[in-house]
Amino acid sequence: MTEFEMYSLLVGFFLPPALAIVQQTKWPDQLRAVVAFLACAVAGAGVAYFQGDLTGKRFVTAALIVLTTTLATYRSFWKPTSVAPAIESRTNIG
């Protein structure tokens, strides 16, 4: 595993709690999905940038690794342990 892949995986693992701060439980599922997708794209760009190679291929690779890891860890770790839902409920506005 390369350093680039490792950082992409780490960012993807820790992104769901950060997303839970922003996302609101009253938002429709489509909006929540778009926000998560955009956050993964920005995180992928950040990984590629800080690895010194913000090219199209590296950005797409990082964004896809971050997206896949974020979705997998949310469903298999953050949601079942109630960490992400607890953060969402405590950060709801209104």
Foldseek 3Di string as FASTA:
>chain_A
DDPLLVQLLVLLLPVLLVLLLVDAPPDDPVVSVVVLLVVLLVVLQVSCVVVPHNDPVSSVVSSVSSSVNNVVCVVVPCVVVCPSVVSNVVNHDD
